[in-house]
Every structure is written in C-alpha cells, then in structure tokens.
C-alpha cells in the first residue's frame, strides 16, 4: 500500500503484509496499524461478509446485492456497514420506509460498536432531515472515534450551519490539532471563533492561515471578515482595501465593495461612496454587464431610494438580449421588492409580473420570490398556504420557508414569522443568507424578546462572495434600528443614540424601515 498525504503532497510506501485470502481482515489490519496507532478492530472477520461489503462499496447497484446484504446481516448482525449499505439500496428503490426499517433494525442491536452505532444514527438523521439528530450523531461519533479529523470537520460544519458557534470552534480546534497542516481548518476556526466572540482565537487562527498561504488573497479577506464580525470597522476596512489593491481580481474586486460596506456601517455615506467607486471602476474595466445593476443596488443600500429606483428602471427598460436580458430579469425582481418596501404593493406586483414575462420560458428563483412577496395582503394562514403552492415539494421546503418568513415580516405578522425563522436558524436552512440572524432578531424585537434579539445582533454580517443580494435590504440598515431599540430597552442610551444616528443616515424614506420605536428619534 502507498499512502498519499494530500496536504503535504508526499507519498509513503508501507511495508508489505501477506496472508491467505481467508485472512484478508488480518492483512488489512496490519496495513492500517502502519498508518495510525489508533486502529479499532474491524467489524467482522467473516470473508463472505467482507466481500459483500466491498461489492456494495464499489458498486451499490449490483444485481442481487440487496439479497447478499440481507444474508450478511443475518450472518454478522453487529456489522454496521451492511445496514447502512442496504438502506442506501432501499433509497435508490424509493423505498423510504424500507430504509428506515433497516436502520432501525441496526440501532436496535445493543452490541454494535459505538462508532458504528453513531454512523447508523447519522445515516438515519440524514434520512429524516433532522439537523438536531445529525448533530447528536456527530457528537457521539466524535467520542467513539476522536482521532478521525473528518468527524470533527463535519461536526464543525454542522455546528456552523446551525449557528452553534462555540461548538463549531471546538470541533475545528480538535480537527486542526489532528491535521495542523490543513490551512482550511485554521480559516474555518477563525470564523467560528469570531462568531463565538472569541477574538483572540480568531486572530491567532487567521494568522496561522495567512502564514500557510502567504500568496493567497483569501487570508486577508478572512481577516477583514472576522474584524467586521467583531465590530472593528476601521480594521476591517483597511484589511479589505489593502487586499483589493493587491489582488483586484479576487472575487471580481469584491473586497473594494466590502471595504465600502465596512465604512458605510459607521454612517458615513460620502466616505463609503468614495470606496464604492473603486469597486465600480474595477468592474467597468472588466466590462462587467452587472456594473449598472450593482450601482443601483449600492444607491439603495446607502440610503438613496429614489435614485436607486430610477437607475434600476432605466436598466430594465434598456434590456436587450443575451447578458443584458438576464441582468434586466434580476433588475425587475429587485425593483419589485424595493417598490414593495416603499409601500406600493400594487405597483410592485406589476413590476414582478413584467420580470416574470421577460424571464420566460423559465423564471428565475429571484423572480418567483418577487412575485410571491408582491401578492395581495393576506393573513398569516393564507401566506402559509401560498408558500405551499410556491414550493409543493417537501424536499425544497427550505426555499418555501425563506419566502414565507420574508412575506410574514413585510406583512408585520411577527408572531407567525418567529417560529419559521427560529426553525430556519436552528436547523441550518441552506437557502438562508448572512442576514438571517438580523431577520430573526427583528421578529424577536417585535415579540418583546429583547435578550434573544441582543445576542443575535452582537455580530456584523459580512457580505457573501456574490456581493449585495436582493435580500440585503431586508436586514440592512434595519440592523441599526433593531440595535437602537434593544439598547433603549436595556437602558444603554449612548449605544441607542449612536445606532439611531446610523440608521437615520442610511434608511432613506423607506416606510418599512420605520416602526413605532423609530418615530421621533
């Protein structure tokens, strides 16, 4: 056997191990002990069971394999892989009940080794799409197989997706201790620690990442992100700006825009504009067809609502074919949401309809969401029914939940929005973006849950790699309004005053931004 270290790029030839075919497990175990001192006994020594397992591993769709796996389960009922492989075959046959039954049969065995039991639990959690059970299974697997870095990586990623940041930081720390030469682990640890409020660990991790990847622009971008998350806006701006100047091609010049956003969060629109112009110059030099679209987005997010709408209207009306048409479709969707936020639902609905017509034969998800959000006013129950019509497939419920949550917030149905947003936040909704904590905080504030909102608003959300999105206006600059309300409720007058000032500087004339708490501030 030759072992490749993918991180170090080295190849190591192991000493050969020989034995009769009937002793395949002993031979393989001899090789395994040369790779790691932490080797658990293989789950079976039966050559026939091993052969069936290997067949399933190499080609799960082999004819008659399900029958062979059933025989393997009967011969070696404590060999966990047979249950998991048979469950996969059941899923291929669209037999969900059969897959659940075979996994349940495995979990009912009290003598299956702990690591295998945890793997079956993980398979069962994935089958039922249960994020809580998945986290529990990964936690059990990390105890049963603590030297496996892949387990810690998976636990870290799952904890990040479900916003359990201290758990994520601990998982990535364990993985990095096992594989300290993996730069990505230090990068992931820096983000997890930053969101957990552990600035020292975040700074140390991103510094390790930078030293391991000195020529890459990504460590400096990560440094900007963790500074932004922690609220160190000048430091974030500086990190982004220096990286953008050194690597203007990185994510299509996005760090220029990130620097502008970091400055905008101080409430200084003019200073942020100067930084944003560097981003637009970068995109114009690259002949980016989205430049005009991005300029309109920036005008909106920096408080110039009327100018933003005028710019986007000019863009969509000038739509031609090819790239221009695709940009116009997105422009219609964005303009529809903006018009809805300005309080004109009827006009917003018409704009969304025009975007849908332009997008035919296949409407984009963004257009579909715009048409959904701009439907006539309705009760919370009716919005829930509409969401089921929008996304009838349960497998795509994440999209429906996101659309429903946005619609309920815009409709001021805060009590109904709160459980939807909480489920998304705790369950790791894959369609949610960086603004989800702010939206959940919004619902919490409106329902009087101030401590919960304060925790959600503790961090600043960095921009995603796609830049500003259609949903950015739903949380920015609302986050400052929410922070001001929370600070007032907590008796922090100076903090409230500072956030009111930033909010007023960036909120423009958007009625949706204004709540009862904002009047007269």
Protein backbone atom coordinates (compact mmCIF):
# COMPACT_ATOMS: atom_id res chain seq x y z
CA UNK A 1 0.00 0.00 0.00
CA UNK A 2 1.14 3.55 -0.80
CA UNK A 3 -0.28 6.38 1.29
CA UNK A 4 -0.64 9.88 -0.14
CA UNK A 5 -0.68 12.91 2.15
CA UNK A 6 -2.84 15.29 0.11
CA UNK A 7 -1.91 18.32 2.22
CA UNK A 8 1.86 17.79 2.28
CA UNK A 9 1.95 16.25 -1.20
CA UNK A 10 4.07 13.27 -0.09
CA UNK A 11 3.84 9.56 -0.94
CA UNK A 12 4.81 6.85 1.57
CA UNK A 13 5.20 3.16 0.70
CA UNK A 14 4.16 0.90 3.60
CA UNK A 15 5.86 -2.38 4.44
CA UNK A 16 4.05 -5.25 2.68
CA UNK A 17 1.81 -7.56 4.70
CA UNK A 18 0.96 -11.06 3.44
CA UNK A 19 -1.58 -13.69 4.37
CA UNK A 20 -4.12 -16.15 2.90
CA UNK A 21 -7.33 -14.83 1.28
CA UNK A 22 -9.31 -16.03 4.28
CA UNK A 23 -7.23 -13.71 6.46
CA UNK A 24 -7.97 -10.53 4.49
CA UNK A 25 -9.04 -8.65 7.62
CA UNK A 26 -5.80 -9.50 9.44
CA UNK A 27 -3.76 -8.40 6.43
CA UNK A 28 -5.67 -5.11 6.11
CA UNK A 29 -5.35 -4.51 9.85
CA UNK A 30 -1.59 -4.93 9.55
CA UNK A 31 -1.50 -2.19 6.93
CA UNK A 32 -3.83 0.02 8.97
CA UNK A 33 -1.57 -0.14 12.01
CA UNK A 34 1.24 1.33 9.90
CA UNK A 35 -0.97 4.34 9.08
CA UNK A 36 -2.16 5.09 12.60
CA UNK A 37 -1.68 3.87 16.13
CA UNK A 38 -5.41 4.49 16.72
CA UNK A 39 -6.89 1.47 14.93
CA UNK A 40 -10.18 -0.05 16.03
CA UNK A 41 -10.87 -3.72 15.27
CA UNK A 42 -12.73 -4.21 12.00
CA UNK A 43 -16.39 -5.09 12.49
CA UNK A 44 -16.15 -8.63 11.07
CA UNK A 45 -13.63 -11.35 10.27
CA UNK A 46 -16.01 -13.27 8.02
CA UNK A 47 -14.56 -13.21 4.45
CA UNK A 48 -18.01 -13.54 2.86
CA UNK A 49 -19.34 -10.52 4.77
CA UNK A 50 -16.22 -8.54 3.83
CA UNK A 51 -16.67 -9.49 0.17
CA UNK A 52 -20.30 -8.34 0.18
CA UNK A 53 -19.31 -5.09 1.89
CA UNK A 54 -16.62 -4.42 -0.74
CA UNK A 55 -19.06 -5.15 -3.59
CA UNK A 56 -21.52 -2.66 -2.12
CA UNK A 57 -18.75 -0.12 -1.57
CA UNK A 58 -17.60 -0.37 -5.19
CA UNK A 59 -20.99 -0.63 -6.91
CA UNK A 60 -24.13 -0.28 -4.86
CA UNK A 61 -26.36 -1.04 -7.84
CA UNK A 62 -25.07 -4.58 -8.49
CA UNK A 63 -27.89 -7.06 -9.23
CA UNK A 64 -28.80 -9.23 -6.28
CA UNK A 65 -26.73 -7.13 -3.88
CA UNK A 66 -29.68 -6.40 -1.58
CA UNK A 67 -30.19 -10.13 -1.03
CA UNK A 68 -26.48 -10.61 -0.33
CA UNK A 69 -26.52 -7.78 2.19
CA UNK A 70 -29.55 -9.29 3.93
CA UNK A 71 -27.59 -12.55 4.24
CA UNK A 72 -24.60 -10.61 5.58
CA UNK A 73 -26.83 -9.01 8.23
CA UNK A 74 -28.11 -12.45 9.24
CA UNK A 75 -24.55 -13.88 9.48
CA UNK A 76 -22.96 -10.84 11.17
CA UNK A 77 -25.75 -8.78 12.79
CA UNK A 78 -23.29 -6.44 14.56
CA UNK A 79 -21.53 -5.35 11.34
CA UNK A 80 -22.87 -1.83 10.89
CA UNK A 81 -21.88 -1.12 7.25
CA UNK A 82 -24.30 -3.77 5.98
CA UNK A 83 -27.26 -1.90 7.47
CA UNK A 84 -26.14 1.43 6.02
CA UNK A 85 -25.43 -0.03 2.57
CA UNK A 86 -28.75 -1.86 2.47
CA UNK A 87 -30.54 1.35 3.48
CA UNK A 88 -28.89 3.13 0.55
CA UNK A 89 -30.21 0.47 -1.83
CA UNK A 90 -33.70 0.93 -0.39
CA UNK A 91 -33.42 4.66 -1.02
CA UNK A 92 -32.36 4.04 -4.62
CA UNK A 93 -35.53 1.97 -4.95
CA UNK A 94 -37.53 4.88 -3.46
CA UNK A 95 -38.41 2.66 -0.51
CA UNK A 96 -38.12 5.19 2.31
CA UNK A 97 -39.96 3.00 4.79
CA UNK A 98 -37.66 0.09 3.96
CA UNK A 99 -34.57 2.27 4.54
CA UNK A 100 -35.92 3.46 7.89
CA UNK A 101 -36.73 -0.13 8.86
CA UNK A 102 -33.24 -1.49 8.14
CA UNK A 103 -31.56 1.39 10.01
CA UNK A 104 -33.94 0.88 12.93
CA UNK A 105 -33.00 -2.78 12.94
CA UNK A 106 -29.35 -1.84 13.25
CA UNK A 107 -29.97 0.67 16.02
CA UNK A 108 -31.95 -1.96 17.94
CA UNK A 109 -28.79 -4.07 18.25
CA UNK A 110 -27.30 -3.35 21.64
CA UNK A 111 -23.97 -4.96 20.79
CA UNK A 112 -22.98 -2.91 17.72
CA UNK A 113 -19.74 -0.96 18.42
CA UNK A 114 -20.26 2.66 19.44
CA UNK A 115 -18.63 4.14 16.32
CA UNK A 116 -20.81 2.03 14.02
CA UNK A 117 -23.92 2.87 16.01
CA UNK A 118 -23.13 6.57 15.63
CA UNK A 119 -22.69 6.13 11.86
CA UNK A 120 -26.08 4.44 11.63
CA UNK A 121 -27.60 7.24 13.71
CA UNK A 122 -26.02 9.76 11.32
CA UNK A 123 -27.47 7.93 8.32
CA UNK A 124 -30.88 7.88 10.00
CA UNK A 125 -30.69 11.60 10.81
CA UNK A 126 -29.80 12.42 7.21
CA UNK A 127 -32.66 10.24 6.01
CA UNK A 128 -35.14 12.11 8.21
CA UNK A 129 -33.53 15.50 7.52
CA UNK A 130 -33.24 16.08 11.26
CA UNK A 131 -30.43 18.57 11.98
CA UNK A 132 -30.67 18.04 15.73
CA UNK A 133 -30.29 14.28 15.40
CA UNK A 134 -27.45 14.81 12.94
CA UNK A 135 -25.57 16.97 15.43
CA UNK A 136 -26.16 14.41 18.19
CA UNK A 137 -24.91 11.58 15.97
CA UNK A 138 -21.78 13.51 15.03
CA UNK A 139 -21.14 14.31 18.70
CA UNK A 140 -21.45 10.61 19.55
CA UNK A 141 -19.15 9.73 16.65
CA UNK A 142 -16.54 12.23 17.85
CA UNK A 143 -16.50 10.45 21.23
CA UNK A 144 -16.33 6.99 19.68
CA UNK A 145 -13.72 7.95 17.05
CA UNK A 146 -11.92 11.03 18.43
CA UNK A 147 -8.84 10.67 16.22
CA UNK A 148 -10.80 10.99 12.98
CA UNK A 149 -10.39 14.57 11.68
CA UNK A 150 -13.21 14.14 9.16
CA UNK A 151 -15.67 13.65 12.02
CA UNK A 152 -14.54 16.89 13.67
CA UNK A 153 -14.71 18.75 10.33
CA UNK A 154 -18.26 17.51 9.74
CA UNK A 155 -19.26 18.41 13.29
CA UNK A 156 -17.74 21.86 12.84
CA UNK A 157 -19.57 22.49 9.57
CA UNK A 158 -22.88 21.25 11.02
CA UNK A 159 -22.47 23.43 14.12
CA UNK A 160 -21.69 26.48 11.96
CA UNK A 161 -24.78 25.88 9.81
CA UNK A 162 -26.96 25.67 12.91
CA UNK A 163 -25.28 28.74 14.49
CA UNK A 164 -23.81 26.81 17.42
CA UNK A 165 -20.56 28.75 17.18
CA UNK A 166 -18.75 27.68 20.40
CA UNK A 167 -19.34 24.03 19.42
CA UNK A 168 -18.09 24.75 15.90
CA UNK A 169 -14.94 26.43 17.20
CA UNK A 170 -14.21 23.49 19.49
CA UNK A 171 -14.73 21.00 16.66
CA UNK A 172 -12.44 22.87 14.27
CA UNK A 173 -9.86 23.23 17.06
CA UNK A 174 -9.87 19.43 17.51
CA UNK A 175 -9.58 18.87 13.76
CA UNK A 176 -6.71 21.34 13.47
CA UNK A 177 -4.87 19.60 16.32
CA UNK A 178 -5.02 16.36 14.33
CA UNK A 179 -4.24 17.96 10.95
CA UNK A 180 -2.32 21.17 11.76
CA UNK A 181 -1.02 21.42 8.17
CA UNK A 182 -4.51 21.88 6.72
CA UNK A 183 -4.89 25.64 6.11
CA UNK A 184 -8.64 25.45 5.57
CA UNK A 185 -9.16 24.24 9.13
CA UNK A 186 -7.48 27.35 10.53
CA UNK A 187 -9.64 29.51 8.26
CA UNK A 188 -12.82 27.81 9.42
CA UNK A 189 -11.69 28.07 13.05
CA UNK A 190 -11.16 31.82 12.65
CA UNK A 191 -14.78 32.35 11.55
CA UNK A 192 -16.26 30.03 14.19
CA UNK A 193 -14.28 31.74 16.94
CA UNK A 194 -15.18 35.22 15.66
CA UNK A 195 -18.90 34.44 15.71
CA UNK A 196 -18.48 32.86 19.17
CA UNK A 197 -16.98 36.13 20.41
CA UNK A 198 -13.50 34.67 20.95
CA UNK A 199 -11.43 37.34 19.22
CA UNK A 200 -8.05 36.05 20.41
CA UNK A 201 -8.59 32.58 18.95
CA UNK A 202 -9.98 34.05 15.73
CA UNK A 203 -6.95 36.32 15.30
CA UNK A 204 -4.50 33.51 16.04
CA UNK A 205 -6.23 31.14 13.62
CA UNK A 206 -6.35 33.61 10.73
CA UNK A 207 -2.67 34.44 11.34
CA UNK A 208 -1.81 30.73 11.08
CA UNK A 209 -3.86 30.61 7.89
CA UNK A 210 -2.02 33.62 6.45
CA UNK A 211 1.42 32.14 7.19
CA UNK A 212 0.44 28.87 5.50
CA UNK A 213 -0.98 30.65 2.42
CA UNK A 214 1.24 33.75 2.04
CA UNK A 215 0.48 34.29 -1.66
CA UNK A 216 -3.27 33.78 -1.44
CA UNK A 217 -5.70 36.73 -1.16
CA UNK A 218 -8.11 34.68 0.92
CA UNK A 219 -6.44 35.06 4.36
CA UNK A 220 -6.57 38.87 4.14
CA UNK A 221 -10.23 38.67 3.10
CA UNK A 222 -10.90 36.38 6.06
CA UNK A 223 -9.12 38.85 8.34
CA UNK A 224 -11.43 41.60 7.09
CA UNK A 225 -14.46 39.40 7.72
CA UNK A 226 -13.54 38.48 11.29
CA UNK A 227 -12.76 42.13 12.09
CA UNK A 228 -16.16 43.12 10.66
CA UNK A 229 -17.94 40.37 12.59
CA UNK A 230 -16.35 41.64 15.81
CA UNK A 231 -17.33 45.26 15.08
CA UNK A 232 -13.78 46.52 14.40
CA UNK A 233 -14.87 48.50 11.35
CA UNK A 234 -11.72 50.58 10.62
CA UNK A 235 -9.54 47.46 10.85
CA UNK A 236 -11.94 45.53 8.60
CA UNK A 237 -11.97 48.35 6.04
CA UNK A 238 -8.18 48.50 6.00
CA UNK A 239 -7.79 44.72 5.55
CA UNK A 240 -10.31 44.65 2.71
CA UNK A 241 -8.91 47.70 0.95
CA UNK A 242 -5.28 46.59 1.06
CA UNK A 243 -6.26 43.13 -0.21
CA UNK A 244 -8.36 44.64 -3.03
CA UNK A 245 -5.48 46.83 -4.18
CA UNK A 246 -3.04 43.90 -4.09
CA UNK A 247 -5.47 41.39 -5.65
CA UNK A 248 -8.07 43.39 -7.63
CA UNK A 249 -9.18 40.22 -9.44
CA UNK A 250 -10.13 38.41 -6.22
CA UNK A 251 -13.84 37.62 -6.38
CA UNK A 252 -14.22 40.23 -9.13
CA UNK A 253 -12.94 43.06 -6.93
CA UNK A 254 -15.38 42.29 -4.13
CA UNK A 255 -13.06 43.48 -1.36
CA UNK A 256 -13.42 47.06 -2.65
CA UNK A 257 -17.16 46.70 -2.01
CA UNK A 258 -16.57 45.03 1.35
CA UNK A 259 -14.37 47.96 2.37
CA UNK A 260 -17.15 50.33 1.32
CA UNK A 261 -19.71 48.37 3.38
CA UNK A 262 -17.44 48.41 6.44
CA UNK A 263 -17.21 52.20 6.13
CA UNK A 264 -20.95 52.53 5.47
CA UNK A 265 -21.64 50.81 8.79
CA UNK A 266 -20.16 53.88 10.50
CA UNK A 267 -22.91 56.01 8.96
CA UNK A 268 -20.53 57.96 6.68
CA UNK A 269 -22.21 57.63 3.30
CA UNK A 270 -19.87 60.02 1.48
CA UNK A 271 -16.76 58.17 2.63
CA UNK A 272 -18.33 54.85 1.72
CA UNK A 273 -19.20 56.19 -1.74
CA UNK A 274 -15.55 57.00 -2.42
CA UNK A 275 -14.61 53.40 -1.66
CA UNK A 276 -17.51 52.01 -3.68
CA UNK A 277 -16.35 53.99 -6.72
CA UNK A 278 -13.15 51.94 -6.71
CA UNK A 279 -15.26 48.81 -6.93
CA UNK A 280 -17.30 50.17 -9.83
CA UNK A 281 -14.16 51.28 -11.66
CA UNK A 282 -12.81 47.76 -11.25
CA UNK A 283 -15.99 46.25 -12.72
CA UNK A 284 -16.16 48.75 -15.61
CA UNK A 285 -12.55 47.96 -16.52
CA UNK A 286 -13.54 44.29 -16.63
CA UNK A 287 -16.58 45.12 -18.87
CA UNK A 288 -18.88 43.53 -16.29
CA UNK A 289 -22.50 43.67 -17.58
CA UNK A 290 -23.70 43.81 -13.95
CA UNK A 291 -21.98 47.13 -13.20
CA UNK A 292 -25.10 49.28 -13.64
CA UNK A 293 -27.14 46.80 -11.62
CA UNK A 294 -24.55 46.93 -8.81
CA UNK A 295 -24.58 50.74 -8.84
CA UNK A 296 -28.34 50.77 -8.36
CA UNK A 297 -28.03 48.27 -5.50
CA UNK A 298 -25.44 50.48 -3.84
CA UNK A 299 -27.61 53.58 -4.20
CA UNK A 300 -30.44 51.77 -2.41
CA UNK A 301 -28.34 50.29 0.38
CA UNK A 302 -26.64 53.63 1.08
CA UNK A 303 -29.97 55.43 1.58
CA UNK A 304 -30.79 56.94 -1.83
CA UNK A 305 -34.01 55.08 -2.53
CA UNK A 306 -35.42 57.32 -5.26
CA UNK A 307 -32.14 57.41 -7.21
CA UNK A 308 -31.80 53.64 -6.88
CA UNK A 309 -35.27 53.03 -8.31
CA UNK A 310 -34.62 55.43 -11.18
CA UNK A 311 -31.33 53.72 -12.03
CA UNK A 312 -32.89 50.25 -11.93
CA UNK A 313 -35.87 51.39 -14.03
CA UNK A 314 -33.52 52.71 -16.71
CA UNK A 315 -31.60 49.43 -16.65
CA UNK A 316 -34.63 47.15 -17.08
CA UNK A 317 -36.21 49.32 -19.78
CA UNK A 318 -32.99 49.22 -21.79
CA UNK A 319 -32.96 45.41 -21.75
CA UNK A 320 -31.85 43.81 -24.97
CA UNK A 321 -30.87 40.21 -25.46
CA UNK A 322 -28.19 37.92 -24.06
CA UNK A 323 -26.46 39.18 -20.89
CA UNK A 324 -28.48 42.42 -20.88
CA UNK A 325 -31.73 40.49 -20.79
CA UNK A 326 -30.52 38.31 -17.89
CA UNK A 327 -29.47 41.40 -15.92
CA UNK A 328 -32.84 43.03 -16.60
CA UNK A 329 -34.69 40.00 -15.24
CA UNK A 330 -32.83 40.31 -11.95
CA UNK A 331 -33.37 44.07 -12.04
CA UNK A 332 -37.13 43.66 -12.30
CA UNK A 333 -37.14 41.30 -9.31
CA UNK A 334 -35.02 43.67 -7.21
CA UNK A 335 -37.10 46.71 -8.21
CA UNK A 336 -40.29 44.87 -7.31
CA UNK A 337 -39.02 44.19 -3.78
CA UNK A 338 -37.85 47.79 -3.39
CA UNK A 339 -41.23 49.11 -4.51
CA UNK A 340 -42.93 46.79 -2.03
CA UNK A 341 -40.69 48.11 0.74
CA UNK A 342 -41.67 51.66 -0.26
CA UNK A 343 -45.27 50.73 0.46
CA UNK A 344 -46.70 50.34 -3.07
CA UNK A 345 -47.70 46.68 -3.28
CA UNK A 346 -49.84 47.10 -6.41
CA UNK A 347 -47.00 48.67 -8.41
CA UNK A 348 -44.57 46.10 -7.02
CA UNK A 349 -46.80 43.28 -8.22
CA UNK A 350 -46.90 44.72 -11.74
CA UNK A 351 -43.11 45.07 -11.84
CA UNK A 352 -42.69 41.46 -10.68
CA UNK A 353 -45.12 40.36 -13.41
CA UNK A 354 -43.08 42.20 -16.05
CA UNK A 355 -39.93 40.49 -14.81
CA UNK A 356 -41.64 37.12 -15.00
CA UNK A 357 -42.73 37.79 -18.59
CA UNK A 358 -39.20 38.79 -19.56
CA UNK A 359 -37.78 35.68 -17.89
CA UNK A 360 -39.94 33.22 -19.83
CA UNK A 361 -39.86 30.34 -20.57
CA UNK A 362 -38.11 29.64 -17.27
CA UNK A 363 -38.43 32.17 -14.44
CA UNK A 364 -35.53 32.50 -12.02
CA UNK A 365 -35.92 31.79 -8.32
CA UNK A 366 -35.47 35.51 -7.65
CA UNK A 367 -38.36 36.41 -9.97
CA UNK A 368 -40.56 33.70 -8.44
CA UNK A 369 -39.86 35.07 -4.96
CA UNK A 370 -40.63 38.62 -6.10
CA UNK A 371 -43.99 37.51 -7.49
CA UNK A 372 -44.70 35.63 -4.27
CA UNK A 373 -43.86 38.55 -1.99
CA UNK A 374 -45.88 41.08 -4.00
CA UNK A 375 -49.18 39.16 -3.85
CA UNK A 376 -52.16 40.94 -2.27
CA UNK A 377 -52.23 41.37 1.53
CA UNK A 378 -53.36 38.28 3.41
CA UNK A 379 -53.49 36.65 6.83
CA UNK A 380 -50.61 34.59 8.19
CA UNK A 381 -52.55 31.40 7.45
CA UNK A 382 -53.05 32.46 3.83
CA UNK A 383 -49.35 33.25 3.42
CA UNK A 384 -48.55 29.78 4.72
CA UNK A 385 -50.93 28.26 2.18
CA UNK A 386 -49.35 30.34 -0.59
CA UNK A 387 -45.90 29.13 0.40
CA UNK A 388 -47.02 25.53 -0.04
CA UNK A 389 -48.26 26.39 -3.52
CA UNK A 390 -44.98 28.12 -4.33
CA UNK A 391 -42.94 25.11 -3.21
CA UNK A 392 -45.12 21.96 -3.19
CA UNK A 393 -42.11 19.60 -3.00
CA UNK A 394 -41.19 18.94 0.68
CA UNK A 395 -37.59 18.39 -0.42
CA UNK A 396 -37.43 22.10 -1.31
CA UNK A 397 -39.15 23.32 1.85
CA UNK A 398 -36.11 25.47 2.71
CA UNK A 399 -36.93 27.83 -0.18
CA UNK A 400 -40.57 27.97 0.83
CA UNK A 401 -39.69 28.76 4.45
CA UNK A 402 -37.41 31.60 3.37
CA UNK A 403 -40.12 33.10 1.17
CA UNK A 404 -42.74 32.66 3.90
CA UNK A 405 -40.57 34.29 6.56
CA UNK A 406 -39.88 37.33 4.36
CA UNK A 407 -43.57 37.68 3.46
CA UNK A 408 -44.67 37.49 7.10
CA UNK A 409 -42.13 40.09 8.20
CA UNK A 410 -43.13 42.51 5.44
CA UNK A 411 -46.79 41.93 6.35
CA UNK A 412 -45.94 42.62 10.02
CA UNK A 413 -47.16 39.16 11.04
CA UNK A 414 -44.34 38.92 13.55
CA UNK A 415 -45.82 36.23 15.79
CA UNK A 416 -46.22 33.90 12.83
CA UNK A 417 -42.79 34.78 11.43
CA UNK A 418 -40.90 34.00 14.65
CA UNK A 419 -41.25 30.16 14.69
CA UNK A 420 -40.48 29.96 10.96
CA UNK A 421 -37.29 31.97 11.39
CA UNK A 422 -36.30 30.11 14.54
CA UNK A 423 -36.65 26.78 12.74
CA UNK A 424 -34.51 28.07 9.88
CA UNK A 425 -31.87 29.42 12.26
CA UNK A 426 -31.64 26.32 14.43
CA UNK A 427 -31.96 23.87 11.56
CA UNK A 428 -29.36 25.30 9.20
CA UNK A 429 -31.59 26.39 6.31
CA UNK A 430 -29.34 26.05 3.22
CA UNK A 431 -31.11 28.87 1.33
CA UNK A 432 -30.71 31.43 4.13
CA UNK A 433 -28.02 34.09 3.82
CA UNK A 434 -25.88 36.08 6.22
CA UNK A 435 -28.87 38.29 7.13
CA UNK A 436 -30.89 35.53 8.80
CA UNK A 437 -29.78 36.43 12.37
CA UNK A 438 -30.96 40.00 11.81
CA UNK A 439 -34.34 38.85 10.48
CA UNK A 440 -34.76 36.58 13.50
CA UNK A 441 -33.77 39.46 15.76
CA UNK A 442 -36.41 41.61 14.03
CA UNK A 443 -39.11 39.07 14.86
CA UNK A 444 -37.81 38.76 18.43
CA UNK A 445 -37.85 42.54 18.96
CA UNK A 446 -41.41 42.83 17.68
CA UNK A 447 -42.45 39.98 20.01
CA UNK A 448 -40.73 41.57 23.01
CA UNK A 449 -37.87 39.06 23.26
CA UNK A 450 -35.10 41.61 23.86
CA UNK A 451 -32.30 39.39 25.32
CA UNK A 452 -32.64 36.95 22.42
CA UNK A 453 -32.50 39.80 19.92
CA UNK A 454 -29.45 41.33 21.62
CA UNK A 455 -27.48 38.10 21.21
CA UNK A 456 -28.42 37.80 17.54
CA UNK A 457 -27.36 41.40 16.86
CA UNK A 458 -23.98 41.06 18.55
CA UNK A 459 -22.13 40.36 15.27
CA UNK A 460 -21.99 42.20 11.95
CA UNK A 461 -22.83 40.09 8.88
CA UNK A 462 -20.07 40.20 6.23
CA UNK A 463 -21.08 40.25 2.57
CA UNK A 464 -21.24 36.89 0.79
CA UNK A 465 -18.95 36.20 -2.16
CA UNK A 466 -21.73 37.27 -4.52
CA UNK A 467 -21.81 40.80 -3.05
CA UNK A 468 -25.08 42.62 -2.39
CA UNK A 469 -28.14 40.42 -2.94
CA UNK A 470 -31.86 41.04 -3.38
CA UNK A 471 -32.38 40.23 0.31
CA UNK A 472 -29.71 42.59 1.69
CA UNK A 473 -32.24 45.48 2.02
CA UNK A 474 -34.35 43.33 4.33
CA UNK A 475 -31.66 43.41 7.02
CA UNK A 476 -29.51 46.45 6.17
CA UNK A 477 -29.73 49.09 7.61
CA UNK A 478 -32.51 47.56 9.73
CA UNK A 479 -29.86 46.05 11.99
CA UNK A 480 -29.06 49.53 13.36
CA UNK A 481 -32.73 50.27 14.06
CA UNK A 482 -33.01 46.98 15.94
CA UNK A 483 -29.81 47.62 17.89
CA UNK A 484 -31.14 51.04 18.87
CA UNK A 485 -34.42 49.59 20.12
CA UNK A 486 -32.63 46.84 22.06
CA UNK A 487 -30.17 49.33 23.59
CA UNK A 488 -33.04 51.58 24.74
CA UNK A 489 -34.82 48.63 26.32
CA UNK A 490 -31.59 47.74 28.13
CA UNK A 491 -31.04 51.32 29.34
CA UNK A 492 -27.96 51.93 27.15
CA UNK A 493 -28.76 55.45 25.98
CA UNK A 494 -25.40 56.19 24.34
CA UNK A 495 -25.44 52.97 22.31
CA UNK A 496 -29.04 53.61 21.29
CA UNK A 497 -28.26 57.17 20.19
CA UNK A 498 -25.31 56.04 18.07
CA UNK A 499 -27.38 53.39 16.30
CA UNK A 500 -30.30 55.75 15.72
CA UNK A 501 -27.91 58.16 14.01
CA UNK A 502 -26.53 55.48 11.71
CA UNK A 503 -29.99 54.17 10.97
CA UNK A 504 -31.36 57.61 10.06
CA UNK A 505 -28.35 58.31 7.85
CA UNK A 506 -28.93 55.14 5.84
CA UNK A 507 -32.67 54.46 6.00
CA UNK A 508 -33.81 56.94 3.34
CA UNK A 509 -37.58 57.26 3.07
CA UNK A 510 -38.45 53.57 3.29
CA UNK A 511 -41.70 53.16 5.33
CA UNK A 512 -40.93 49.53 6.03
CA UNK A 513 -37.83 50.61 7.92
CA UNK A 514 -39.85 52.70 10.32
CA UNK A 515 -41.57 51.22 13.35
CA UNK A 516 -43.30 52.82 16.28
CA UNK A 517 -40.00 52.87 18.16
CA UNK A 518 -38.37 54.98 15.42
CA UNK A 519 -40.89 57.81 15.43
CA UNK A 520 -39.47 60.99 16.82
CA UNK A 521 -35.98 59.58 17.30
